[in-house]
Amino acid sequence: MTTQTLYLWFPGNAAEALRFYHETFGGELTLHTFEEFGRTDGPPAAIAHGELSGPVNLYATDTSDGEESVSMTGVSIALLGTADASTLTQWFATIAQGGGSVLDPLQKRSWGAYDGQIIDRFGVRWLIGYEASQTDKADTGLETLPSGPSEATFEASKAYHS
């Protein structure tokens, strides 16, 4: 039996994106090219179907002629409580350090839970968080969590959400 899984169309960089997600989240990565599938509507080395299976499941492909690529407006991939707090904190940090843009730092909220939002370098928006009962400050290292490629990104995010 399968569950819902997001399928992303990338503008020629599906292999790079899926390898980054594999390095970030772990799991098993499978890539199939247009050539393997006998497709002629794109470059032979383009990804016709890629799958990441593990703690985070994703499908992805490179766009073929005339197809639009991923554009995330008004939507995010929510990883809320999908792993322990330490793992979720590490995923947020890895996306930030991998060229992501922090929209809202991973932080404790007034209701007690922790969450943050980030757009990765491929344009995919993530909402990552966990309940306070899953951790304490020592487990996550939130005081030293990198906010993204630069402190300017962090400060801009704080000012925007203040």
C-alpha atoms as a PDB file:
ATOM      1  CA  MET A   1       0.000   0.000   0.000  1.00  0.00           C
ATOM      2  CA  THR A   2       1.321   3.450  -0.860  1.00  0.00           C
ATOM      3  CA  THR A   3       0.758   6.878   0.627  1.00  0.00           C
ATOM      4  CA  GLN A   4       0.605  10.333  -0.889  1.00  0.00           C
ATOM      5  CA  THR A   5       3.955  11.394  -2.270  1.00  0.00           C
ATOM      6  CA  LEU A   6       4.958  14.700  -3.764  1.00  0.00           C
ATOM      7  CA  TYR A   7       6.141  14.627  -7.402  1.00  0.00           C
ATOM      8  CA  LEU A   8       8.316  17.580  -8.432  1.00  0.00           C
ATOM      9  CA  TRP A   9       9.210  18.717 -11.976  1.00  0.00           C
ATOM     10  CA  PHE A  10      12.634  20.389 -12.151  1.00  0.00           C
ATOM     11  CA  PRO A  11      14.093  22.501 -14.989  1.00  0.00           C
ATOM     12  CA  GLY A  12      16.965  20.129 -15.819  1.00  0.00           C
ATOM     13  CA  ASN A  13      18.404  19.709 -12.312  1.00  0.00           C
ATOM     14  CA  ALA A  14      16.313  16.863 -10.866  1.00  0.00           C
ATOM     15  CA  ALA A  15      19.386  14.670 -10.299  1.00  0.00           C
ATOM     16  CA  GLU A  16      21.145  17.460  -8.384  1.00  0.00           C
ATOM     17  CA  ALA A  17      18.030  18.175  -6.307  1.00  0.00           C
ATOM     18  CA  LEU A  18      17.382  14.525  -5.475  1.00  0.00           C
ATOM     19  CA  ARG A  19      21.029  13.948  -4.548  1.00  0.00           C
ATOM     20  CA  PHE A  20      20.846  16.953  -2.211  1.00  0.00           C
ATOM     21  CA  TYR A  21      17.640  15.612  -0.623  1.00  0.00           C
ATOM     22  CA  HIS A  22      19.276  12.180  -0.293  1.00  0.00           C
ATOM     23  CA  GLU A  23      22.280  13.729   1.475  1.00  0.00           C
ATOM     24  CA  THR A  24      19.945  15.788   3.692  1.00  0.00           C
ATOM     25  CA  PHE A  25      17.303  13.221   4.625  1.00  0.00           C
ATOM     26  CA  GLY A  26      18.968   9.864   3.960  1.00  0.00           C
ATOM     27  CA  GLY A  27      17.018   6.942   2.545  1.00  0.00           C
ATOM     28  CA  GLU A  28      17.346   5.218  -0.786  1.00  0.00           C
ATOM     29  CA  LEU A  29      17.727   7.110  -4.068  1.00  0.00           C
ATOM     30  CA  THR A  30      16.819   5.717  -7.497  1.00  0.00           C
ATOM     31  CA  LEU A  31      17.342   7.685 -10.725  1.00  0.00           C
ATOM     32  CA  HIS A  32      16.208   6.726 -14.255  1.00  0.00           C
ATOM     33  CA  THR A  33      17.131   8.731 -17.341  1.00  0.00           C
ATOM     34  CA  PHE A  34      15.071   9.611 -20.385  1.00  0.00           C
ATOM     35  CA  GLU A  35      17.340   7.270 -22.361  1.00  0.00           C
ATOM     36  CA  GLU A  36      16.599   4.339 -20.009  1.00  0.00           C
ATOM     37  CA  PHE A  37      12.871   4.909 -20.483  1.00  0.00           C
ATOM     38  CA  GLY A  38      13.208   5.285 -24.261  1.00  0.00           C
ATOM     39  CA  ARG A  39      12.046   8.892 -24.134  1.00  0.00           C
ATOM     40  CA  THR A  40      13.067  11.308 -26.872  1.00  0.00           C
ATOM     41  CA  ASP A  41      11.296  14.437 -25.594  1.00  0.00           C
ATOM     42  CA  GLY A  42      14.370  15.658 -23.710  1.00  0.00           C
ATOM     43  CA  PRO A  43      18.108  15.121 -23.300  1.00  0.00           C
ATOM     44  CA  PRO A  44      19.066  11.441 -22.912  1.00  0.00           C
ATOM     45  CA  ALA A  45      20.753  12.072 -19.526  1.00  0.00           C
ATOM     46  CA  ALA A  46      17.784  13.997 -18.096  1.00  0.00           C
ATOM     47  CA  ILE A  47      15.904  12.345 -15.241  1.00  0.00           C
ATOM     48  CA  ALA A  48      12.671  10.711 -16.405  1.00  0.00           C
ATOM     49  CA  HIS A  49      11.842   9.409 -12.923  1.00  0.00           C
ATOM     50  CA  GLY A  50      13.657   9.747  -9.622  1.00  0.00           C
ATOM     51  CA  GLU A  51      12.574   8.466  -6.250  1.00  0.00           C
ATOM     52  CA  LEU A  52      13.775   9.161  -2.729  1.00  0.00           C
ATOM     53  CA  SER A  53      12.422   6.611  -0.242  1.00  0.00           C
ATOM     54  CA  GLY A  54      13.074   6.904   3.466  1.00  0.00           C
ATOM     55  CA  PRO A  55      12.236   9.324   6.234  1.00  0.00           C
ATOM     56  CA  VAL A  56      11.165  11.756   3.485  1.00  0.00           C
ATOM     57  CA  ASN A  57       9.608  10.378   0.297  1.00  0.00           C
ATOM     58  CA  LEU A  58       9.739  12.344  -2.961  1.00  0.00           C
ATOM     59  CA  TYR A  59       9.451  11.714  -6.674  1.00  0.00           C
ATOM     60  CA  ALA A  60      11.036  14.030  -9.216  1.00  0.00           C
ATOM     61  CA  THR A  61      11.668  14.414 -12.917  1.00  0.00           C
ATOM     62  CA  ASP A  62      13.240  16.866 -15.317  1.00  0.00           C
ATOM     63  CA  THR A  63      10.741  18.777 -17.414  1.00  0.00           C
ATOM     64  CA  SER A  64      10.356  17.758 -21.017  1.00  0.00           C
ATOM     65  CA  ASP A  65       9.593  20.085 -23.896  1.00  0.00           C
ATOM     66  CA  GLY A  66       6.882  22.581 -22.966  1.00  0.00           C
ATOM     67  CA  GLU A  67       6.377  21.466 -19.347  1.00  0.00           C
ATOM     68  CA  GLU A  68       6.532  23.917 -16.462  1.00  0.00           C
ATOM     69  CA  SER A  69       8.900  23.346 -13.557  1.00  0.00           C
ATOM     70  CA  VAL A  70       8.218  23.491  -9.849  1.00  0.00           C
ATOM     71  CA  SER A  71       6.937  26.800  -8.498  1.00  0.00           C
ATOM     72  CA  MET A  72       5.831  26.804  -4.881  1.00  0.00           C
ATOM     73  CA  THR A  73       3.501  29.674  -4.067  1.00  0.00           C
ATOM     74  CA  GLY A  74       1.129  29.288  -1.163  1.00  0.00           C
ATOM     75  CA  VAL A  75       2.302  25.730  -0.447  1.00  0.00           C
ATOM     76  CA  SER A  76       5.084  24.001   1.471  1.00  0.00           C
ATOM     77  CA  ILE A  77       6.224  20.506   2.295  1.00  0.00           C
ATOM     78  CA  ALA A  78       5.444  20.089   5.989  1.00  0.00           C
ATOM     79  CA  LEU A  79       7.843  17.972   8.006  1.00  0.00           C
ATOM     80  CA  LEU A  80       6.082  18.483  11.321  1.00  0.00           C
ATOM     81  CA  GLY A  81       6.965  15.807  13.855  1.00  0.00           C
ATOM     82  CA  THR A  82       8.138  13.439  11.118  1.00  0.00           C
ATOM     83  CA  ALA A  83      11.368  12.679  12.986  1.00  0.00           C
ATOM     84  CA  ASP A  84      12.909  13.451  16.365  1.00  0.00           C
ATOM     85  CA  ALA A  85      13.701  17.064  17.223  1.00  0.00           C
ATOM     86  CA  SER A  86      17.442  16.687  16.728  1.00  0.00           C
ATOM     87  CA  THR A  87      16.975  15.227  13.239  1.00  0.00           C
ATOM     88  CA  LEU A  88      14.467  17.886  12.201  1.00  0.00           C
ATOM     89  CA  THR A  89      16.799  20.616  13.477  1.00  0.00           C
ATOM     90  CA  GLN A  90      19.662  19.103  11.465  1.00  0.00           C
ATOM     91  CA  TRP A  91      17.521  18.940   8.318  1.00  0.00           C
ATOM     92  CA  PHE A  92      16.655  22.639   8.658  1.00  0.00           C
ATOM     93  CA  ALA A  93      20.319  23.524   9.162  1.00  0.00           C
ATOM     94  CA  THR A  94      21.447  21.403   6.201  1.00  0.00           C
ATOM     95  CA  ILE A  95      18.929  23.035   3.854  1.00  0.00           C
ATOM     96  CA  ALA A  96      20.014  26.484   5.093  1.00  0.00           C
ATOM     97  CA  GLN A  97      23.706  25.704   4.694  1.00  0.00           C
ATOM     98  CA  GLY A  98      23.046  24.199   1.244  1.00  0.00           C
ATOM     99  CA  GLY A  99      22.001  27.562  -0.167  1.00  0.00           C
ATOM    100  CA  GLY A 100      18.514  27.795   1.296  1.00  0.00           C
ATOM    101  CA  SER A 101      16.784  31.037   2.132  1.00  0.00           C
ATOM    102  CA  VAL A 102      15.326  31.163   5.650  1.00  0.00           C
ATOM    103  CA  LEU A 103      11.836  32.642   5.612  1.00  0.00           C
ATOM    104  CA  ASP A 104      11.191  32.115   9.318  1.00  0.00           C
ATOM    105  CA  PRO A 105      13.923  30.747  11.626  1.00  0.00           C
ATOM    106  CA  LEU A 106      13.359  27.451  13.410  1.00  0.00           C
ATOM    107  CA  GLN A 107      12.324  28.654  16.839  1.00  0.00           C
ATOM    108  CA  LYS A 108      10.041  28.089  19.807  1.00  0.00           C
ATOM    109  CA  ARG A 109       6.536  29.461  19.284  1.00  0.00           C
ATOM    110  CA  SER A 110       4.185  31.008  21.852  1.00  0.00           C
ATOM    111  CA  TRP A 111       2.124  27.801  21.917  1.00  0.00           C
ATOM    112  CA  GLY A 112       5.227  25.769  22.853  1.00  0.00           C
ATOM    113  CA  ALA A 113       6.012  24.004  19.581  1.00  0.00           C
ATOM    114  CA  TYR A 114       9.079  24.690  17.419  1.00  0.00           C
ATOM    115  CA  ASP A 115       8.948  25.380  13.690  1.00  0.00           C
ATOM    116  CA  GLY A 116      10.538  27.343  10.885  1.00  0.00           C
ATOM    117  CA  GLN A 117      10.214  27.824   7.135  1.00  0.00           C
ATOM    118  CA  ILE A 118      12.887  27.722   4.481  1.00  0.00           C
ATOM    119  CA  ILE A 119      13.080  27.678   0.687  1.00  0.00           C
ATOM    120  CA  ASP A 120      15.861  25.432  -0.579  1.00  0.00           C
ATOM    121  CA  ARG A 121      18.137  26.361  -3.471  1.00  0.00           C
ATOM    122  CA  PHE A 122      15.818  24.482  -5.859  1.00  0.00           C
ATOM    123  CA  GLY A 123      12.800  26.638  -4.973  1.00  0.00           C
ATOM    124  CA  VAL A 124      11.083  24.065  -2.752  1.00  0.00           C
ATOM    125  CA  ARG A 125       9.505  25.483   0.411  1.00  0.00           C
ATOM    126  CA  TRP A 126       9.730  23.466   3.646  1.00  0.00           C
ATOM    127  CA  LEU A 127       7.924  23.855   6.974  1.00  0.00           C
ATOM    128  CA  ILE A 128       9.932  21.951   9.590  1.00  0.00           C
ATOM    129  CA  GLY A 129       8.953  21.580  13.213  1.00  0.00           C
ATOM    130  CA  TYR A 130       8.228  19.499  16.278  1.00  0.00           C
ATOM    131  CA  GLU A 131       6.407  19.624  19.593  1.00  0.00           C
ATOM    132  CA  ALA A 132       8.230  20.894  22.679  1.00  0.00           C
ATOM    133  CA  SER A 133       7.605  17.525  24.327  1.00  0.00           C
ATOM    134  CA  GLN A 134       9.971  15.964  21.771  1.00  0.00           C
ATOM    135  CA  THR A 135      13.040  17.820  23.044  1.00  0.00           C
ATOM    136  CA  ASP A 136      14.736  20.394  25.175  1.00  0.00           C
ATOM    137  CA  LYS A 137      17.220  23.119  24.181  1.00  0.00           C
ATOM    138  CA  ALA A 138      20.226  20.857  24.788  1.00  0.00           C
ATOM    139  CA  ASP A 139      18.994  18.269  22.284  1.00  0.00           C
ATOM    140  CA  THR A 140      18.602  20.646  19.341  1.00  0.00           C
ATOM    141  CA  GLY A 141      21.304  23.248  19.787  1.00  0.00           C
ATOM    142  CA  LEU A 142      18.824  25.915  18.713  1.00  0.00           C
ATOM    143  CA  GLU A 143      20.975  28.670  20.180  1.00  0.00           C
ATOM    144  CA  THR A 144      23.657  27.867  17.590  1.00  0.00           C
ATOM    145  CA  LEU A 145      21.430  26.811  14.696  1.00  0.00           C
ATOM    146  CA  PRO A 146      22.657  28.446  11.488  1.00  0.00           C
ATOM    147  CA  SER A 147      20.019  30.669   9.993  1.00  0.00           C
ATOM    148  CA  GLY A 148      21.082  30.289   6.390  1.00  0.00           C
ATOM    149  CA  PRO A 149      23.774  31.433   4.058  1.00  0.00           C
ATOM    150  CA  SER A 150      24.334  34.625   6.030  1.00  0.00           C
ATOM    151  CA  GLU A 151      23.347  36.506   9.163  1.00  0.00           C
ATOM    152  CA  ALA A 152      21.778  39.118   6.884  1.00  0.00           C
ATOM    153  CA  THR A 153      19.216  36.509   5.788  1.00  0.00           C
ATOM    154  CA  PHE A 154      18.430  35.755   9.433  1.00  0.00           C
ATOM    155  CA  GLU A 155      18.083  39.419  10.380  1.00  0.00           C
ATOM    156  CA  ALA A 156      15.892  40.145   7.355  1.00  0.00           C
ATOM    157  CA  SER A 157      13.680  37.190   8.277  1.00  0.00           C
ATOM    158  CA  LYS A 158      13.371  38.373  11.885  1.00  0.00           C
ATOM    159  CA  ALA A 159      12.511  41.923  10.787  1.00  0.00           C
ATOM    160  CA  TYR A 160       9.913  40.682   8.285  1.00  0.00           C
ATOM    161  CA  HIS A 161       8.161  38.523  10.898  1.00  0.00           C
ATOM    162  CA  SER A 162       8.311  41.089  13.732  1.00  0.00           C
END
